[in-house]
Amino acid sequence: EMFFGANGNPDWNNLDQALIPIAD
């Protein structure tokens, strides 16, 4: 829930690109 973009906010990370480990 620290990643859910609730109340009109975008998700913290873009899950449409979730196959890219962006932090790594």
PDB file of all heavy atoms in Angstrom:
ATOM      1  N   GLU A   1       0.812  -1.215   0.000  1.00  0.00           N
ATOM      2  CA  GLU A   1       0.000   0.000   0.000  1.00  0.00           C
ATOM      3  C   GLU A   1       0.848   1.269   0.000  1.00  0.00           C
ATOM      4  O   GLU A   1       0.312   2.362  -0.166  1.00  0.00           O
ATOM      5  CB  GLU A   1      -0.981  -0.053   1.172  1.00  0.00           C
ATOM      6  CG  GLU A   1      -2.003  -1.155   0.924  1.00  0.00           C
ATOM      7  CD  GLU A   1      -2.959  -1.400   2.078  1.00  0.00           C
ATOM      8  OE1 GLU A   1      -2.518  -1.882   3.127  1.00  0.00           O
ATOM      9  OE2 GLU A   1      -4.157  -1.109   1.903  1.00  0.00           O
ATOM     10  N   MET A   2       2.179   1.100   0.133  1.00  0.00           N
ATOM     11  CA  MET A   2       3.074   2.229  -0.100  1.00  0.00           C
ATOM     12  C   MET A   2       3.396   2.376  -1.592  1.00  0.00           C
ATOM     13  O   MET A   2       4.159   3.257  -1.982  1.00  0.00           O
ATOM     14  CB  MET A   2       4.371   2.060   0.695  1.00  0.00           C
ATOM     15  CG  MET A   2       4.192   2.178   2.196  1.00  0.00           C
ATOM     16  SD  MET A   2       5.751   2.188   3.118  1.00  0.00           S
ATOM     17  CE  MET A   2       6.180   0.445   3.078  1.00  0.00           C
ATOM     18  N   PHE A   3       2.796   1.524  -2.430  1.00  0.00           N
ATOM     19  CA  PHE A   3       3.000   1.565  -3.876  1.00  0.00           C
ATOM     20  C   PHE A   3       1.706   1.822  -4.635  1.00  0.00           C
ATOM     21  O   PHE A   3       1.742   2.160  -5.813  1.00  0.00           O
ATOM     22  CB  PHE A   3       3.611   0.250  -4.366  1.00  0.00           C
ATOM     23  CG  PHE A   3       4.969  -0.043  -3.795  1.00  0.00           C
ATOM     24  CD1 PHE A   3       5.100  -0.625  -2.540  1.00  0.00           C
ATOM     25  CD2 PHE A   3       6.120   0.265  -4.497  1.00  0.00           C
ATOM     26  CE1 PHE A   3       6.363  -0.895  -2.004  1.00  0.00           C
ATOM     27  CE2 PHE A   3       7.378   0.003  -3.976  1.00  0.00           C
ATOM     28  CZ  PHE A   3       7.501  -0.575  -2.726  1.00  0.00           C
ATOM     29  N   PHE A   4       0.532   1.656  -3.958  1.00  0.00           N
ATOM     30  CA  PHE A   4      -0.756   1.844  -4.621  1.00  0.00           C
ATOM     31  C   PHE A   4      -1.003   3.324  -4.862  1.00  0.00           C
ATOM     32  O   PHE A   4      -0.949   4.138  -3.926  1.00  0.00           O
ATOM     33  CB  PHE A   4      -1.907   1.308  -3.750  1.00  0.00           C
ATOM     34  CG  PHE A   4      -1.943  -0.180  -3.610  1.00  0.00           C
ATOM     35  CD1 PHE A   4      -2.647  -0.766  -2.582  1.00  0.00           C
ATOM     36  CD2 PHE A   4      -1.298  -1.003  -4.510  1.00  0.00           C
ATOM     37  CE1 PHE A   4      -2.706  -2.141  -2.437  1.00  0.00           C
ATOM     38  CE2 PHE A   4      -1.336  -2.384  -4.379  1.00  0.00           C
ATOM     39  CZ  PHE A   4      -2.052  -2.950  -3.340  1.00  0.00           C
ATOM     40  N   GLY A   5      -1.333   3.668  -6.099  1.00  0.00           N
ATOM     41  CA  GLY A   5      -1.661   5.070  -6.397  1.00  0.00           C
ATOM     42  C   GLY A   5      -3.125   5.350  -6.190  1.00  0.00           C
ATOM     43  O   GLY A   5      -3.877   5.530  -7.161  1.00  0.00           O
ATOM     44  N   ALA A   6      -3.580   5.387  -4.954  1.00  0.00           N
ATOM     45  CA  ALA A   6      -4.993   5.609  -4.647  1.00  0.00           C
ATOM     46  C   ALA A   6      -5.348   7.091  -4.780  1.00  0.00           C
ATOM     47  O   ALA A   6      -4.482   7.958  -4.876  1.00  0.00           O
ATOM     48  CB  ALA A   6      -5.297   5.128  -3.234  1.00  0.00           C
ATOM     49  N   ASN A   7      -6.641   7.344  -4.800  1.00  0.00           N
ATOM     50  CA  ASN A   7      -7.173   8.713  -4.806  1.00  0.00           C
ATOM     51  C   ASN A   7      -6.645   9.540  -5.971  1.00  0.00           C
ATOM     52  O   ASN A   7      -6.327  10.730  -5.833  1.00  0.00           O
ATOM     53  CB  ASN A   7      -6.845   9.409  -3.480  1.00  0.00           C
ATOM     54  CG  ASN A   7      -7.332   8.645  -2.272  1.00  0.00           C
ATOM     55  OD1 ASN A   7      -8.459   8.131  -2.269  1.00  0.00           O
ATOM     56  ND2 ASN A   7      -6.500   8.507  -1.254  1.00  0.00           N
ATOM     57  N   GLY A   8      -6.560   8.903  -7.132  1.00  0.00           N
ATOM     58  CA  GLY A   8      -6.136   9.619  -8.323  1.00  0.00           C
ATOM     59  C   GLY A   8      -4.646   9.721  -8.527  1.00  0.00           C
ATOM     60  O   GLY A   8      -4.195  10.248  -9.560  1.00  0.00           O
ATOM     61  N   ASN A   9      -3.854   9.250  -7.573  1.00  0.00           N
ATOM     62  CA  ASN A   9      -2.394   9.288  -7.728  1.00  0.00           C
ATOM     63  C   ASN A   9      -1.927   8.112  -8.578  1.00  0.00           C
ATOM     64  O   ASN A   9      -2.482   7.018  -8.490  1.00  0.00           O
ATOM     65  CB  ASN A   9      -1.707   9.207  -6.359  1.00  0.00           C
ATOM     66  CG  ASN A   9      -1.960  10.428  -5.520  1.00  0.00           C
ATOM     67  OD1 ASN A   9      -1.739  11.549  -5.955  1.00  0.00           O
ATOM     68  ND2 ASN A   9      -2.442  10.218  -4.293  1.00  0.00           N
ATOM     69  N   PRO A  10      -0.889   8.305  -9.400  1.00  0.00           N
ATOM     70  CA  PRO A  10      -0.330   7.158 -10.117  1.00  0.00           C
ATOM     71  C   PRO A  10       0.364   6.220  -9.144  1.00  0.00           C
ATOM     72  O   PRO A  10       0.751   6.620  -8.040  1.00  0.00           O
ATOM     73  CB  PRO A  10       0.680   7.801 -11.079  1.00  0.00           C
ATOM     74  CG  PRO A  10       1.082   9.078 -10.411  1.00  0.00           C
ATOM     75  CD  PRO A  10      -0.150   9.561  -9.670  1.00  0.00           C
ATOM     76  N   ASP A  11       0.514   4.955  -9.539  1.00  0.00           N
ATOM     77  CA  ASP A  11       1.268   4.023  -8.715  1.00  0.00           C
ATOM     78  C   ASP A  11       2.688   4.539  -8.525  1.00  0.00           C
ATOM     79  O   ASP A  11       3.239   5.260  -9.365  1.00  0.00           O
ATOM     80  CB  ASP A  11       1.312   2.636  -9.367  1.00  0.00           C
ATOM     81  CG  ASP A  11      -0.036   1.925  -9.326  1.00  0.00           C
ATOM     82  OD1 ASP A  11      -0.851   2.234  -8.442  1.00  0.00           O
ATOM     83  OD2 ASP A  11      -0.266   1.052 -10.196  1.00  0.00           O
ATOM     84  N   TRP A  12       3.283   4.158  -7.402  1.00  0.00           N
ATOM     85  CA  TRP A  12       4.656   4.584  -7.088  1.00  0.00           C
ATOM     86  C   TRP A  12       5.630   4.161  -8.187  1.00  0.00           C
ATOM     87  O   TRP A  12       6.497   4.918  -8.594  1.00  0.00           O
ATOM     88  CB  TRP A  12       5.057   4.002  -5.746  1.00  0.00           C
ATOM     89  CG  TRP A  12       6.336   4.483  -5.146  1.00  0.00           C
ATOM     90  CD1 TRP A  12       7.410   3.719  -4.802  1.00  0.00           C
ATOM     91  CD2 TRP A  12       6.672   5.833  -4.758  1.00  0.00           C
ATOM     92  NE1 TRP A  12       8.396   4.498  -4.244  1.00  0.00           N
ATOM     93  CE2 TRP A  12       7.969   5.799  -4.191  1.00  0.00           C
ATOM     94  CE3 TRP A  12       5.993   7.048  -4.836  1.00  0.00           C
ATOM     95  CZ2 TRP A  12       8.606   6.941  -3.716  1.00  0.00           C
ATOM     96  CZ3 TRP A  12       6.632   8.191  -4.361  1.00  0.00           C
ATOM     97  CH2 TRP A  12       7.927   8.133  -3.811  1.00  0.00           C
ATOM     98  N   ASN A  13       5.474   2.918  -8.673  1.00  0.00           N
ATOM     99  CA  ASN A  13       6.227   2.417  -9.818  1.00  0.00           C
ATOM    100  C   ASN A  13       5.237   2.009 -10.904  1.00  0.00           C
ATOM    101  O   ASN A  13       4.121   1.591 -10.608  1.00  0.00           O
ATOM    102  CB  ASN A  13       7.096   1.221  -9.435  1.00  0.00           C
ATOM    103  CG  ASN A  13       8.148   1.566  -8.395  1.00  0.00           C
ATOM    104  OD1 ASN A  13       8.707   2.654  -8.417  1.00  0.00           O
ATOM    105  ND2 ASN A  13       8.408   0.650  -7.482  1.00  0.00           N
ATOM    106  N   ASN A  14       5.641   2.108 -12.153  1.00  0.00           N
ATOM    107  CA  ASN A  14       4.773   1.832 -13.282  1.00  0.00           C
ATOM    108  C   ASN A  14       4.664   0.333 -13.505  1.00  0.00           C
ATOM    109  O   ASN A  14       5.586  -0.296 -14.036  1.00  0.00           O
ATOM    110  CB  ASN A  14       5.323   2.537 -14.540  1.00  0.00           C
ATOM    111  CG  ASN A  14       4.454   2.285 -15.764  1.00  0.00           C
ATOM    112  OD1 ASN A  14       3.393   1.669 -15.686  1.00  0.00           O
ATOM    113  ND2 ASN A  14       4.899   2.762 -16.909  1.00  0.00           N
ATOM    114  N   LEU A  15       3.533  -0.240 -13.127  1.00  0.00           N
ATOM    115  CA  LEU A  15       3.372  -1.692 -13.231  1.00  0.00           C
ATOM    116  C   LEU A  15       3.228  -2.179 -14.670  1.00  0.00           C
ATOM    117  O   LEU A  15       3.365  -3.377 -14.929  1.00  0.00           O
ATOM    118  CB  LEU A  15       2.180  -2.146 -12.395  1.00  0.00           C
ATOM    119  CG  LEU A  15       2.327  -1.972 -10.878  1.00  0.00           C
ATOM    120  CD1 LEU A  15       1.128  -2.564 -10.155  1.00  0.00           C
ATOM    121  CD2 LEU A  15       3.608  -2.604 -10.375  1.00  0.00           C
ATOM    122  N   ASP A  16       2.943  -1.271 -15.602  1.00  0.00           N
ATOM    123  CA  ASP A  16       2.946  -1.687 -16.998  1.00  0.00           C
ATOM    124  C   ASP A  16       4.362  -2.010 -17.477  1.00  0.00           C
ATOM    125  O   ASP A  16       4.536  -2.641 -18.523  1.00  0.00           O
ATOM    126  CB  ASP A  16       2.339  -0.588 -17.881  1.00  0.00           C
ATOM    127  CG  ASP A  16       0.834  -0.432 -17.642  1.00  0.00           C
ATOM    128  OD1 ASP A  16       0.190  -1.430 -17.246  1.00  0.00           O
ATOM    129  OD2 ASP A  16       0.310   0.674 -17.858  1.00  0.00           O
ATOM    130  N   GLN A  17       5.353  -1.582 -16.717  1.00  0.00           N
ATOM    131  CA  GLN A  17       6.760  -1.890 -17.002  1.00  0.00           C
ATOM    132  C   GLN A  17       7.366  -2.732 -15.877  1.00  0.00           C
ATOM    133  O   GLN A  17       8.576  -2.688 -15.638  1.00  0.00           O
ATOM    134  CB  GLN A  17       7.566  -0.590 -17.163  1.00  0.00           C
ATOM    135  CG  GLN A  17       7.078   0.314 -18.274  1.00  0.00           C
ATOM    136  CD  GLN A  17       7.316  -0.278 -19.649  1.00  0.00           C
ATOM    137  OE1 GLN A  17       8.243  -1.062 -19.844  1.00  0.00           O
ATOM    138  NE2 GLN A  17       6.460   0.067 -20.605  1.00  0.00           N
ATOM    139  N   ALA A  18       6.520  -3.523 -15.214  1.00  0.00           N
ATOM    140  CA  ALA A  18       6.973  -4.230 -14.015  1.00  0.00           C
ATOM    141  C   ALA A  18       8.031  -5.280 -14.303  1.00  0.00           C
ATOM    142  O   ALA A  18       8.757  -5.690 -13.392  1.00  0.00           O
ATOM    143  CB  ALA A  18       5.775  -4.884 -13.308  1.00  0.00           C
ATOM    144  N   LEU A  19       8.132  -5.752 -15.548  1.00  0.00           N
ATOM    145  CA  LEU A  19       9.146  -6.754 -15.860  1.00  0.00           C
ATOM    146  C   LEU A  19      10.552  -6.170 -15.893  1.00  0.00           C
ATOM    147  O   LEU A  19      11.523  -6.919 -16.013  1.00  0.00           O
ATOM    148  CB  LEU A  19       8.825  -7.432 -17.200  1.00  0.00           C
ATOM    149  CG  LEU A  19       7.711  -8.482 -17.139  1.00  0.00           C
ATOM    150  CD1 LEU A  19       7.279  -8.901 -18.537  1.00  0.00           C
ATOM    151  CD2 LEU A  19       8.148  -9.696 -16.338  1.00  0.00           C
ATOM    152  N   ILE A  20      10.662  -4.861 -15.792  1.00  0.00           N
ATOM    153  CA  ILE A  20      11.976  -4.219 -15.687  1.00  0.00           C
ATOM    154  C   ILE A  20      12.246  -3.942 -14.211  1.00  0.00           C
ATOM    155  O   ILE A  20      11.522  -3.160 -13.589  1.00  0.00           O
ATOM    156  CB  ILE A  20      12.026  -2.895 -16.473  1.00  0.00           C
ATOM    157  CG1 ILE A  20      11.652  -3.118 -17.931  1.00  0.00           C
ATOM    158  CG2 ILE A  20      13.403  -2.260 -16.352  1.00  0.00           C
ATOM    159  CD1 ILE A  20      11.517  -1.831 -18.732  1.00  0.00           C
ATOM    160  N   PRO A  21      13.267  -4.550 -13.615  1.00  0.00           N
ATOM    161  CA  PRO A  21      13.606  -4.253 -12.204  1.00  0.00           C
ATOM    162  C   PRO A  21      14.350  -2.921 -12.125  1.00  0.00           C
ATOM    163  O   PRO A  21      15.570  -2.861 -12.090  1.00  0.00           O
ATOM    164  CB  PRO A  21      14.481  -5.443 -11.807  1.00  0.00           C
ATOM    165  CG  PRO A  21      15.117  -5.890 -13.082  1.00  0.00           C
ATOM    166  CD  PRO A  21      14.132  -5.601 -14.182  1.00  0.00           C
ATOM    167  N   ILE A  22      13.587  -1.848 -12.065  1.00  0.00           N
ATOM    168  CA  ILE A  22      14.164  -0.514 -12.270  1.00  0.00           C
ATOM    169  C   ILE A  22      15.143  -0.115 -11.166  1.00  0.00           C
ATOM    170  O   ILE A  22      16.121   0.588 -11.431  1.00  0.00           O
ATOM    171  CB  ILE A  22      13.049   0.549 -12.428  1.00  0.00           C
ATOM    172  CG1 ILE A  22      12.081   0.520 -11.241  1.00  0.00           C
ATOM    173  CG2 ILE A  22      12.294   0.326 -13.722  1.00  0.00           C
ATOM    174  CD1 ILE A  22      10.998   1.587 -11.313  1.00  0.00           C
ATOM    175  N   ALA A  23      14.903  -0.557  -9.939  1.00  0.00           N
ATOM    176  CA  ALA A  23      15.858  -0.231  -8.870  1.00  0.00           C
ATOM    177  C   ALA A  23      17.190  -0.937  -9.105  1.00  0.00           C
ATOM    178  O   ALA A  23      18.261  -0.361  -8.891  1.00  0.00           O
ATOM    179  CB  ALA A  23      15.285  -0.610  -7.507  1.00  0.00           C
ATOM    180  N   ASP A  24      17.120  -2.198  -9.553  1.00  0.00           N
ATOM    181  CA  ASP A  24      18.350  -2.933  -9.841  1.00  0.00           C
ATOM    182  C   ASP A  24      19.113  -2.293 -10.997  1.00  0.00           C
ATOM    183  O   ASP A  24      20.344  -2.202 -10.978  1.00  0.00           O
ATOM    184  CB  ASP A  24      18.029  -4.379 -10.206  1.00  0.00           C
ATOM    185  CG  ASP A  24      17.387  -5.160  -9.070  1.00  0.00           C
ATOM    186  OD1 ASP A  24      17.310  -4.615  -7.956  1.00  0.00           O
ATOM    187  OD2 ASP A  24      16.966  -6.305  -9.310  1.00  0.00           O
TER     188      ASP A  24
END
